[in-house]
Amino acid sequence: AILEKYPVKDDYVLDKGELNSSNRVYYHMPVIKRTAFDNDENY
């Protein structure tokens, strides 16, 4: 269900222990980056 809603691609990274060397699973969503046009409130 998660991969159907948010398919794995460049901005979505699935880590089933390969990167974190543990029994945990992490599904990283796209990073929210502060741009030059963002003030605190927008960000």
ModelCIF file with pLDDT and N, C-alpha, C, O atoms, coordinates in Angstrom:
data_MODEL
#
_entry.id   MODEL 
#
_entity.id                         1 
_entity.type                       polymer 
_entity.pdbx_number_of_molecules   1 
#
_entity_poly.entity_id                      1 
_entity_poly.type                           'polypeptide(L)' 
_entity_poly.nstd_linkage                   no 
_entity_poly.nstd_monomer                   no 
_entity_poly.pdbx_seq_one_letter_code       AILEKYPVKDDYVLDKGELNSSNRVYYHMPVIKRTAFDNDENY 
_entity_poly.pdbx_seq_one_letter_code_can   AILEKYPVKDDYVLDKGELNSSNRVYYHMPVIKRTAFDNDENY 
_entity_poly.pdbx_strand_id                 A 
#
loop_
_entity_poly_seq.entity_id 
_entity_poly_seq.num 
_entity_poly_seq.mon_id 
_entity_poly_seq.hetero 
1 1  ALA n 
1 2  ILE n 
1 3  LEU n 
1 4  GLU n 
1 5  LYS n 
1 6  TYR n 
1 7  PRO n 
1 8  VAL n 
1 9  LYS n 
1 10 ASP n 
1 11 ASP n 
1 12 TYR n 
1 13 VAL n 
1 14 LEU n 
1 15 ASP n 
1 16 LYS n 
1 17 GLY n 
1 18 GLU n 
1 19 LEU n 
1 20 ASN n 
1 21 SER n 
1 22 SER n 
1 23 ASN n 
1 24 ARG n 
1 25 VAL n 
1 26 TYR n 
1 27 TYR n 
1 28 HIS n 
1 29 MET n 
1 30 PRO n 
1 31 VAL n 
1 32 ILE n 
1 33 LYS n 
1 34 ARG n 
1 35 THR n 
1 36 ALA n 
1 37 PHE n 
1 38 ASP n 
1 39 ASN n 
1 40 ASP n 
1 41 GLU n 
1 42 ASN n 
1 43 TYR n 
#
_struct_asym.id          A 
_struct_asym.entity_id   1 
#
loop_
_ma_qa_metric.id 
_ma_qa_metric.mode 
_ma_qa_metric.name 
_ma_qa_metric.software_group_id 
_ma_qa_metric.type 
1 global pLDDT . pLDDT 
2 local  pLDDT . pLDDT 
#
_ma_qa_metric_global.metric_id      1 
_ma_qa_metric_global.metric_value   89.56 
_ma_qa_metric_global.model_id       1 
_ma_qa_metric_global.ordinal_id     1 
#
loop_
_ma_qa_metric_local.label_asym_id 
_ma_qa_metric_local.label_comp_id 
_ma_qa_metric_local.label_seq_id 
_ma_qa_metric_local.metric_id 
_ma_qa_metric_local.metric_value 
_ma_qa_metric_local.model_id 
_ma_qa_metric_local.ordinal_id 
A ALA 1  2 96.00 1 1  
A ILE 2  2 97.00 1 2  
A LEU 3  2 96.00 1 3  
A GLU 4  2 96.00 1 4  
A LYS 5  2 96.00 1 5  
A TYR 6  2 96.00 1 6  
A PRO 7  2 95.00 1 7  
A VAL 8  2 92.00 1 8  
A LYS 9  2 88.00 1 9  
A ASP 10 2 84.00 1 10 
A ASP 11 2 91.00 1 11 
A TYR 12 2 94.00 1 12 
A VAL 13 2 94.00 1 13 
A LEU 14 2 94.00 1 14 
A ASP 15 2 93.00 1 15 
A LYS 16 2 90.00 1 16 
A GLY 17 2 78.00 1 17 
A GLU 18 2 73.00 1 18 
A LEU 19 2 67.00 1 19 
A ASN 20 2 65.00 1 20 
A SER 21 2 68.00 1 21 
A SER 22 2 77.00 1 22 
A ASN 23 2 85.00 1 23 
A ARG 24 2 92.00 1 24 
A VAL 25 2 95.00 1 25 
A TYR 26 2 95.00 1 26 
A TYR 27 2 96.00 1 27 
A HIS 28 2 96.00 1 28 
A MET 29 2 96.00 1 29 
A PRO 30 2 96.00 1 30 
A VAL 31 2 96.00 1 31 
A ILE 32 2 95.00 1 32 
A LYS 33 2 93.00 1 33 
A ARG 34 2 91.00 1 34 
A THR 35 2 88.00 1 35 
A ALA 36 2 84.00 1 36 
A PHE 37 2 87.00 1 37 
A ASP 38 2 86.00 1 38 
A ASN 39 2 91.00 1 39 
A ASP 40 2 89.00 1 40 
A GLU 41 2 92.00 1 41 
A ASN 42 2 93.00 1 42 
A TYR 43 2 95.00 1 43 
#
loop_
_atom_site.group_PDB 
_atom_site.id 
_atom_site.type_symbol 
_atom_site.label_atom_id 
_atom_site.label_alt_id 
_atom_site.label_comp_id 
_atom_site.label_asym_id 
_atom_site.label_entity_id 
_atom_site.label_seq_id 
_atom_site.pdbx_PDB_ins_code 
_atom_site.Cartn_x 
_atom_site.Cartn_y 
_atom_site.Cartn_z 
_atom_site.occupancy 
_atom_site.B_iso_or_equiv 
_atom_site.pdbx_formal_charge 
_atom_site.auth_seq_id 
_atom_site.auth_comp_id 
_atom_site.auth_asym_id 
_atom_site.auth_atom_id 
_atom_site.pdbx_PDB_model_num 
ATOM 1   N N  . ALA A 1 1  ? 0.824  -1.213 0.000  1.00 96.00 ? 1  ALA A N  1 
ATOM 2   C CA . ALA A 1 1  ? 0.000  0.000  0.000  1.00 96.00 ? 1  ALA A CA 1 
ATOM 3   C C  . ALA A 1 1  ? 0.854  1.257  0.000  1.00 96.00 ? 1  ALA A C  1 
ATOM 4   O O  . ALA A 1 1  ? 0.522  2.234  -0.671 1.00 96.00 ? 1  ALA A O  1 
ATOM 5   N N  . ILE A 1 2  ? 1.951  1.239  0.747  1.00 97.00 ? 2  ILE A N  1 
ATOM 6   C CA . ILE A 1 2  ? 2.824  2.425  0.807  1.00 97.00 ? 2  ILE A CA 1 
ATOM 7   C C  . ILE A 1 2  ? 3.489  2.656  -0.547 1.00 97.00 ? 2  ILE A C  1 
ATOM 8   O O  . ILE A 1 2  ? 3.538  3.787  -1.030 1.00 97.00 ? 2  ILE A O  1 
ATOM 9   N N  . LEU A 1 3  ? 4.004  1.584  -1.161 1.00 96.00 ? 3  LEU A N  1 
ATOM 10  C CA . LEU A 1 3  ? 4.706  1.752  -2.432 1.00 96.00 ? 3  LEU A CA 1 
ATOM 11  C C  . LEU A 1 3  ? 3.753  2.059  -3.584 1.00 96.00 ? 3  LEU A C  1 
ATOM 12  O O  . LEU A 1 3  ? 4.151  2.650  -4.588 1.00 96.00 ? 3  LEU A O  1 
ATOM 13  N N  . GLU A 1 4  ? 2.501  1.658  -3.432 1.00 96.00 ? 4  GLU A N  1 
ATOM 14  C CA . GLU A 1 4  ? 1.511  2.047  -4.438 1.00 96.00 ? 4  GLU A CA 1 
ATOM 15  C C  . GLU A 1 4  ? 1.208  3.536  -4.348 1.00 96.00 ? 4  GLU A C  1 
ATOM 16  O O  . GLU A 1 4  ? 1.071  4.216  -5.365 1.00 96.00 ? 4  GLU A O  1 
ATOM 17  N N  . LYS A 1 5  ? 1.103  4.039  -3.111 1.00 96.00 ? 5  LYS A N  1 
ATOM 18  C CA . LYS A 1 5  ? 0.821  5.460  -2.911 1.00 96.00 ? 5  LYS A CA 1 
ATOM 19  C C  . LYS A 1 5  ? 2.045  6.318  -3.210 1.00 96.00 ? 5  LYS A C  1 
ATOM 20  O O  . LYS A 1 5  ? 1.934  7.380  -3.823 1.00 96.00 ? 5  LYS A O  1 
ATOM 21  N N  . TYR A 1 6  ? 3.216  5.850  -2.773 1.00 96.00 ? 6  TYR A N  1 
ATOM 22  C CA . TYR A 1 6  ? 4.459  6.602  -2.951 1.00 96.00 ? 6  TYR A CA 1 
ATOM 23  C C  . TYR A 1 6  ? 5.504  5.671  -3.578 1.00 96.00 ? 6  TYR A C  1 
ATOM 24  O O  . TYR A 1 6  ? 6.329  5.106  -2.859 1.00 96.00 ? 6  TYR A O  1 
ATOM 25  N N  . PRO A 1 7  ? 5.482  5.507  -4.891 1.00 95.00 ? 7  PRO A N  1 
ATOM 26  C CA . PRO A 1 7  ? 6.403  4.566  -5.551 1.00 95.00 ? 7  PRO A CA 1 
ATOM 27  C C  . PRO A 1 7  ? 7.862  4.968  -5.349 1.00 95.00 ? 7  PRO A C  1 
ATOM 28  O O  . PRO A 1 7  ? 8.194  6.149  -5.243 1.00 95.00 ? 7  PRO A O  1 
ATOM 29  N N  . VAL A 1 8  ? 8.718  3.957  -5.300 1.00 92.00 ? 8  VAL A N  1 
ATOM 30  C CA . VAL A 1 8  ? 10.154 4.209  -5.167 1.00 92.00 ? 8  VAL A CA 1 
ATOM 31  C C  . VAL A 1 8  ? 10.665 4.909  -6.420 1.00 92.00 ? 8  VAL A C  1 
ATOM 32  O O  . VAL A 1 8  ? 10.450 4.440  -7.537 1.00 92.00 ? 8  VAL A O  1 
ATOM 33  N N  . LYS A 1 9  ? 11.332 6.019  -6.224 1.00 88.00 ? 9  LYS A N  1 
ATOM 34  C CA . LYS A 1 9  ? 12.002 6.749  -7.301 1.00 88.00 ? 9  LYS A CA 1 
ATOM 35  C C  . LYS A 1 9  ? 13.093 7.594  -6.668 1.00 88.00 ? 9  LYS A C  1 
ATOM 36  O O  . LYS A 1 9  ? 13.429 7.401  -5.500 1.00 88.00 ? 9  LYS A O  1 
ATOM 37  N N  . ASP A 1 10 ? 13.650 8.532  -7.429 1.00 84.00 ? 10 ASP A N  1 
ATOM 38  C CA . ASP A 1 10 ? 14.826 9.262  -6.956 1.00 84.00 ? 10 ASP A CA 1 
ATOM 39  C C  . ASP A 1 10 ? 14.612 9.914  -5.595 1.00 84.00 ? 10 ASP A C  1 
ATOM 40  O O  . ASP A 1 10 ? 15.499 9.889  -4.742 1.00 84.00 ? 10 ASP A O  1 
ATOM 41  N N  . ASP A 1 11 ? 13.433 10.497 -5.393 1.00 91.00 ? 11 ASP A N  1 
ATOM 42  C CA . ASP A 1 11 ? 13.193 11.236 -4.156 1.00 91.00 ? 11 ASP A CA 1 
ATOM 43  C C  . ASP A 1 11 ? 12.662 10.357 -3.024 1.00 91.00 ? 11 ASP A C  1 
ATOM 44  O O  . ASP A 1 11 ? 12.510 10.825 -1.896 1.00 91.00 ? 11 ASP A O  1 
ATOM 45  N N  . TYR A 1 12 ? 12.382 9.098  -3.318 1.00 94.00 ? 12 TYR A N  1 
ATOM 46  C CA . TYR A 1 12 ? 11.866 8.179  -2.310 1.00 94.00 ? 12 TYR A CA 1 
ATOM 47  C C  . TYR A 1 12 ? 12.859 7.027  -2.179 1.00 94.00 ? 12 TYR A C  1 
ATOM 48  O O  . TYR A 1 12 ? 13.146 6.339  -3.159 1.00 94.00 ? 12 TYR A O  1 
ATOM 49  N N  . VAL A 1 13 ? 13.380 6.816  -0.978 1.00 94.00 ? 13 VAL A N  1 
ATOM 50  C CA . VAL A 1 13 ? 14.438 5.830  -0.773 1.00 94.00 ? 13 VAL A CA 1 
ATOM 51  C C  . VAL A 1 13 ? 13.984 4.811  0.259  1.00 94.00 ? 13 VAL A C  1 
ATOM 52  O O  . VAL A 1 13 ? 13.693 5.163  1.402  1.00 94.00 ? 13 VAL A O  1 
ATOM 53  N N  . LEU A 1 14 ? 13.923 3.541  -0.147 1.00 94.00 ? 14 LEU A N  1 
ATOM 54  C CA . LEU A 1 14 ? 13.533 2.459  0.745  1.00 94.00 ? 14 LEU A CA 1 
ATOM 55  C C  . LEU A 1 14 ? 14.783 1.770  1.276  1.00 94.00 ? 14 LEU A C  1 
ATOM 56  O O  . LEU A 1 14 ? 15.636 1.323  0.509  1.00 94.00 ? 14 LEU A O  1 
ATOM 57  N N  . ASP A 1 15 ? 14.875 1.691  2.584  1.00 93.00 ? 15 ASP A N  1 
ATOM 58  C CA . ASP A 1 15 ? 16.038 1.072  3.245  1.00 93.00 ? 15 ASP A CA 1 
ATOM 59  C C  . ASP A 1 15 ? 15.554 -0.056 4.138  1.00 93.00 ? 15 ASP A C  1 
ATOM 60  O O  . ASP A 1 15 ? 15.034 0.179  5.229  1.00 93.00 ? 15 ASP A O  1 
ATOM 61  N N  . LYS A 1 16 ? 15.730 -1.282 3.666  1.00 90.00 ? 16 LYS A N  1 
ATOM 62  C CA . LYS A 1 16 ? 15.350 -2.459 4.460  1.00 90.00 ? 16 LYS A CA 1 
ATOM 63  C C  . LYS A 1 16 ? 16.566 -3.039 5.181  1.00 90.00 ? 16 LYS A C  1 
ATOM 64  O O  . LYS A 1 16 ? 16.805 -4.246 5.145  1.00 90.00 ? 16 LYS A O  1 
ATOM 65  N N  . GLY A 1 17 ? 17.315 -2.181 5.824  1.00 78.00 ? 17 GLY A N  1 
ATOM 66  C CA . GLY A 1 17 ? 18.483 -2.635 6.577  1.00 78.00 ? 17 GLY A CA 1 
ATOM 67  C C  . GLY A 1 17 ? 19.774 -2.564 5.794  1.00 78.00 ? 17 GLY A C  1 
ATOM 68  O O  . GLY A 1 17 ? 20.852 -2.697 6.375  1.00 78.00 ? 17 GLY A O  1 
ATOM 69  N N  . GLU A 1 18 ? 19.693 -2.353 4.461  1.00 73.00 ? 18 GLU A N  1 
ATOM 70  C CA . GLU A 1 18 ? 20.922 -2.308 3.672  1.00 73.00 ? 18 GLU A CA 1 
ATOM 71  C C  . GLU A 1 18 ? 21.772 -1.100 4.034  1.00 73.00 ? 18 GLU A C  1 
ATOM 72  O O  . GLU A 1 18 ? 23.000 -1.181 4.052  1.00 73.00 ? 18 GLU A O  1 
ATOM 73  N N  . LEU A 1 19 ? 21.119 0.019  4.321  1.00 67.00 ? 19 LEU A N  1 
ATOM 74  C CA . LEU A 1 19 ? 21.847 1.253  4.619  1.00 67.00 ? 19 LEU A CA 1 
ATOM 75  C C  . LEU A 1 19 ? 22.021 1.477  6.112  1.00 67.00 ? 19 LEU A C  1 
ATOM 76  O O  . LEU A 1 19 ? 23.018 2.059  6.540  1.00 67.00 ? 19 LEU A O  1 
ATOM 77  N N  . ASN A 1 20 ? 21.058 1.018  6.911  1.00 65.00 ? 20 ASN A N  1 
ATOM 78  C CA . ASN A 1 20 ? 21.130 1.293  8.348  1.00 65.00 ? 20 ASN A CA 1 
ATOM 79  C C  . ASN A 1 20 ? 21.691 0.132  9.148  1.00 65.00 ? 20 ASN A C  1 
ATOM 80  O O  . ASN A 1 20 ? 21.893 0.264  10.355 1.00 65.00 ? 20 ASN A O  1 
ATOM 81  N N  . SER A 1 21 ? 21.952 -1.017 8.500  1.00 68.00 ? 21 SER A N  1 
ATOM 82  C CA . SER A 1 21 ? 22.575 -2.179 9.156  1.00 68.00 ? 21 SER A CA 1 
ATOM 83  C C  . SER A 1 21 ? 21.849 -2.567 10.434 1.00 68.00 ? 21 SER A C  1 
ATOM 84  O O  . SER A 1 21 ? 22.474 -2.795 11.470 1.00 68.00 ? 21 SER A O  1 
ATOM 85  N N  . SER A 1 22 ? 20.529 -2.641 10.356 1.00 77.00 ? 22 SER A N  1 
ATOM 86  C CA . SER A 1 22 ? 19.738 -3.045 11.514 1.00 77.00 ? 22 SER A CA 1 
ATOM 87  C C  . SER A 1 22 ? 18.516 -3.799 11.025 1.00 77.00 ? 22 SER A C  1 
ATOM 88  O O  . SER A 1 22 ? 18.358 -4.034 9.827  1.00 77.00 ? 22 SER A O  1 
ATOM 89  N N  . ASN A 1 23 ? 17.660 -4.174 11.949 1.00 85.00 ? 23 ASN A N  1 
ATOM 90  C CA . ASN A 1 23 ? 16.423 -4.880 11.610 1.00 85.00 ? 23 ASN A CA 1 
ATOM 91  C C  . ASN A 1 23 ? 15.282 -3.916 11.324 1.00 85.00 ? 23 ASN A C  1 
ATOM 92  O O  . ASN A 1 23 ? 14.150 -4.346 11.102 1.00 85.00 ? 23 ASN A O  1 
ATOM 93  N N  . ARG A 1 24 ? 15.566 -2.623 11.327 1.00 92.00 ? 24 ARG A N  1 
ATOM 94  C CA . ARG A 1 24 ? 14.528 -1.619 11.074 1.00 92.00 ? 24 ARG A CA 1 
ATOM 95  C C  . ARG A 1 24 ? 14.387 -1.360 9.584  1.00 92.00 ? 24 ARG A C  1 
ATOM 96  O O  . ARG A 1 24 ? 15.299 -1.620 8.798  1.00 92.00 ? 24 ARG A O  1 
ATOM 97  N N  . VAL A 1 25 ? 13.212 -0.837 9.211  1.00 95.00 ? 25 VAL A N  1 
ATOM 98  C CA . VAL A 1 25 ? 12.953 -0.395 7.839  1.00 95.00 ? 25 VAL A CA 1 
ATOM 99  C C  . VAL A 1 25 ? 12.659 1.098  7.862  1.00 95.00 ? 25 VAL A C  1 
ATOM 100 O O  . VAL A 1 25 ? 11.905 1.583  8.706  1.00 95.00 ? 25 VAL A O  1 
ATOM 101 N N  . TYR A 1 26 ? 13.266 1.818  6.923  1.00 95.00 ? 26 TYR A N  1 
ATOM 102 C CA . TYR A 1 26 ? 13.007 3.248  6.774  1.00 95.00 ? 26 TYR A CA 1 
ATOM 103 C C  . TYR A 1 26 ? 12.595 3.512  5.325  1.00 95.00 ? 26 TYR A C  1 
ATOM 104 O O  . TYR A 1 26 ? 13.255 3.063  4.389  1.00 95.00 ? 26 TYR A O  1 
ATOM 105 N N  . TYR A 1 27 ? 11.499 4.243  5.159  1.00 96.00 ? 27 TYR A N  1 
ATOM 106 C CA . TYR A 1 27 ? 11.128 4.700  3.818  1.00 96.00 ? 27 TYR A CA 1 
ATOM 107 C C  . TYR A 1 27 ? 11.209 6.219  3.823  1.00 96.00 ? 27 TYR A C  1 
ATOM 108 O O  . TYR A 1 27 ? 10.335 6.905  4.353  1.00 96.00 ? 27 TYR A O  1 
ATOM 109 N N  . HIS A 1 28 ? 12.274 6.727  3.224  1.00 96.00 ? 28 HIS A N  1 
ATOM 110 C CA . HIS A 1 28 ? 12.565 8.168  3.251  1.00 96.00 ? 28 HIS A CA 1 
ATOM 111 C C  . HIS A 1 28 ? 11.737 8.891  2.192  1.00 96.00 ? 28 HIS A C  1 
ATOM 112 O O  . HIS A 1 28 ? 11.760 8.541  1.012  1.00 96.00 ? 28 HIS A O  1 
ATOM 113 N N  . MET A 1 29 ? 11.012 9.902  2.642  1.00 96.00 ? 29 MET A N  1 
ATOM 114 C CA . MET A 1 29 ? 10.203 10.724 1.741  1.00 96.00 ? 29 MET A CA 1 
ATOM 115 C C  . MET A 1 29 ? 11.070 11.861 1.192  1.00 96.00 ? 29 MET A C  1 
ATOM 116 O O  . MET A 1 29 ? 12.164 12.092 1.706  1.00 96.00 ? 29 MET A O  1 
ATOM 117 N N  . PRO A 1 30 ? 10.607 12.573 0.165  1.00 96.00 ? 30 PRO A N  1 
ATOM 118 C CA . PRO A 1 30 ? 11.423 13.668 -0.401 1.00 96.00 ? 30 PRO A CA 1 
ATOM 119 C C  . PRO A 1 30 ? 11.829 14.687 0.667  1.00 96.00 ? 30 PRO A C  1 
ATOM 120 O O  . PRO A 1 30 ? 11.021 15.098 1.501  1.00 96.00 ? 30 PRO A O  1 
ATOM 121 N N  . VAL A 1 31 ? 13.093 15.078 0.617  1.00 96.00 ? 31 VAL A N  1 
ATOM 122 C CA . VAL A 1 31 ? 13.634 16.033 1.579  1.00 96.00 ? 31 VAL A CA 1 
ATOM 123 C C  . VAL A 1 31 ? 13.021 17.413 1.335  1.00 96.00 ? 31 VAL A C  1 
ATOM 124 O O  . VAL A 1 31 ? 12.892 17.857 0.194  1.00 96.00 ? 31 VAL A O  1 
ATOM 125 N N  . ILE A 1 32 ? 12.647 18.078 2.424  1.00 95.00 ? 32 ILE A N  1 
ATOM 126 C CA . ILE A 1 32 ? 12.119 19.444 2.337  1.00 95.00 ? 32 ILE A CA 1 
ATOM 127 C C  . ILE A 1 32 ? 13.284 20.400 2.568  1.00 95.00 ? 32 ILE A C  1 
ATOM 128 O O  . ILE A 1 32 ? 13.821 20.477 3.673  1.00 95.00 ? 32 ILE A O  1 
ATOM 129 N N  . LYS A 1 33 ? 13.670 21.122 1.531  1.00 93.00 ? 33 LYS A N  1 
ATOM 130 C CA . LYS A 1 33 ? 14.830 22.001 1.612  1.00 93.00 ? 33 LYS A CA 1 
ATOM 131 C C  . LYS A 1 33 ? 14.397 23.458 1.708  1.00 93.00 ? 33 LYS A C  1 
ATOM 132 O O  . LYS A 1 33 ? 13.470 23.905 1.031  1.00 93.00 ? 33 LYS A O  1 
ATOM 133 N N  . ARG A 1 34 ? 15.085 24.166 2.553  1.00 91.00 ? 34 ARG A N  1 
ATOM 134 C CA . ARG A 1 34 ? 14.811 25.601 2.669  1.00 91.00 ? 34 ARG A CA 1 
ATOM 135 C C  . ARG A 1 34 ? 15.474 26.328 1.510  1.00 91.00 ? 34 ARG A C  1 
ATOM 136 O O  . ARG A 1 34 ? 16.683 26.207 1.310  1.00 91.00 ? 34 ARG A O  1 
ATOM 137 N N  . THR A 1 35 ? 14.699 27.075 0.753  1.00 88.00 ? 35 THR A N  1 
ATOM 138 C CA . THR A 1 35 ? 15.238 27.814 -0.389 1.00 88.00 ? 35 THR A CA 1 
ATOM 139 C C  . THR A 1 35 ? 15.523 29.259 -0.008 1.00 88.00 ? 35 THR A C  1 
ATOM 140 O O  . THR A 1 35 ? 15.196 29.708 1.090  1.00 88.00 ? 35 THR A O  1 
ATOM 141 N N  . ALA A 1 36 ? 16.132 29.963 -0.929 1.00 84.00 ? 36 ALA A N  1 
ATOM 142 C CA . ALA A 1 36 ? 16.448 31.377 -0.692 1.00 84.00 ? 36 ALA A CA 1 
ATOM 143 C C  . ALA A 1 36 ? 15.194 32.224 -0.596 1.00 84.00 ? 36 ALA A C  1 
ATOM 144 O O  . ALA A 1 36 ? 15.236 33.334 -0.065 1.00 84.00 ? 36 ALA A O  1 
ATOM 145 N N  . PHE A 1 37 ? 14.073 31.713 -1.107 1.00 87.00 ? 37 PHE A N  1 
ATOM 146 C CA . PHE A 1 37 ? 12.821 32.477 -1.105 1.00 87.00 ? 37 PHE A CA 1 
ATOM 147 C C  . PHE A 1 37 ? 11.961 32.190 0.129  1.00 87.00 ? 37 PHE A C  1 
ATOM 148 O O  . PHE A 1 37 ? 10.928 32.829 0.332  1.00 87.00 ? 37 PHE A O  1 
ATOM 149 N N  . ASP A 1 38 ? 12.388 31.229 0.949  1.00 86.00 ? 38 ASP A N  1 
ATOM 150 C CA . ASP A 1 38 ? 11.603 30.853 2.123  1.00 86.00 ? 38 ASP A CA 1 
ATOM 151 C C  . ASP A 1 38 ? 11.971 31.709 3.326  1.00 86.00 ? 38 ASP A C  1 
ATOM 152 O O  . ASP A 1 38 ? 13.150 31.903 3.622  1.00 86.00 ? 38 ASP A O  1 
ATOM 153 N N  . ASN A 1 39 ? 10.962 32.219 4.016  1.00 91.00 ? 39 ASN A N  1 
ATOM 154 C CA . ASN A 1 39 ? 11.193 32.727 5.361  1.00 91.00 ? 39 ASN A CA 1 
ATOM 155 C C  . ASN A 1 39 ? 10.803 31.617 6.331  1.00 91.00 ? 39 ASN A C  1 
ATOM 156 O O  . ASN A 1 39 ? 10.368 30.545 5.911  1.00 91.00 ? 39 ASN A O  1 
ATOM 157 N N  . ASP A 1 40 ? 10.959 31.875 7.631  1.00 89.00 ? 40 ASP A N  1 
ATOM 158 C CA . ASP A 1 40 ? 10.669 30.830 8.612  1.00 89.00 ? 40 ASP A CA 1 
ATOM 159 C C  . ASP A 1 40 ? 9.239  30.312 8.477  1.00 89.00 ? 40 ASP A C  1 
ATOM 160 O O  . ASP A 1 40 ? 9.009  29.103 8.526  1.00 89.00 ? 40 ASP A O  1 
ATOM 161 N N  . GLU A 1 41 ? 8.290  31.211 8.310  1.00 92.00 ? 41 GLU A N  1 
ATOM 162 C CA . GLU A 1 41 ? 6.885  30.819 8.278  1.00 92.00 ? 41 GLU A CA 1 
ATOM 163 C C  . GLU A 1 41 ? 6.591  29.907 7.089  1.00 92.00 ? 41 GLU A C  1 
ATOM 164 O O  . GLU A 1 41 ? 5.937  28.875 7.239  1.00 92.00 ? 41 GLU A O  1 
ATOM 165 N N  . ASN A 1 42 ? 7.069  30.288 5.919  1.00 93.00 ? 42 ASN A N  1 
ATOM 166 C CA . ASN A 1 42 ? 6.839  29.469 4.729  1.00 93.00 ? 42 ASN A CA 1 
ATOM 167 C C  . ASN A 1 42 ? 7.452  28.083 4.875  1.00 93.00 ? 42 ASN A C  1 
ATOM 168 O O  . ASN A 1 42 ? 6.823  27.068 4.576  1.00 93.00 ? 42 ASN A O  1 
ATOM 169 N N  . TYR A 1 43 ? 8.698  28.070 5.344  1.00 95.00 ? 43 TYR A N  1 
ATOM 170 C CA . TYR A 1 43 ? 9.444  26.815 5.468  1.00 95.00 ? 43 TYR A CA 1 
ATOM 171 C C  . TYR A 1 43 ? 8.758  25.871 6.445  1.00 95.00 ? 43 TYR A C  1 
ATOM 172 O O  . TYR A 1 43 ? 9.243  24.763 6.677  1.00 95.00 ? 43 TYR A O  1 
#
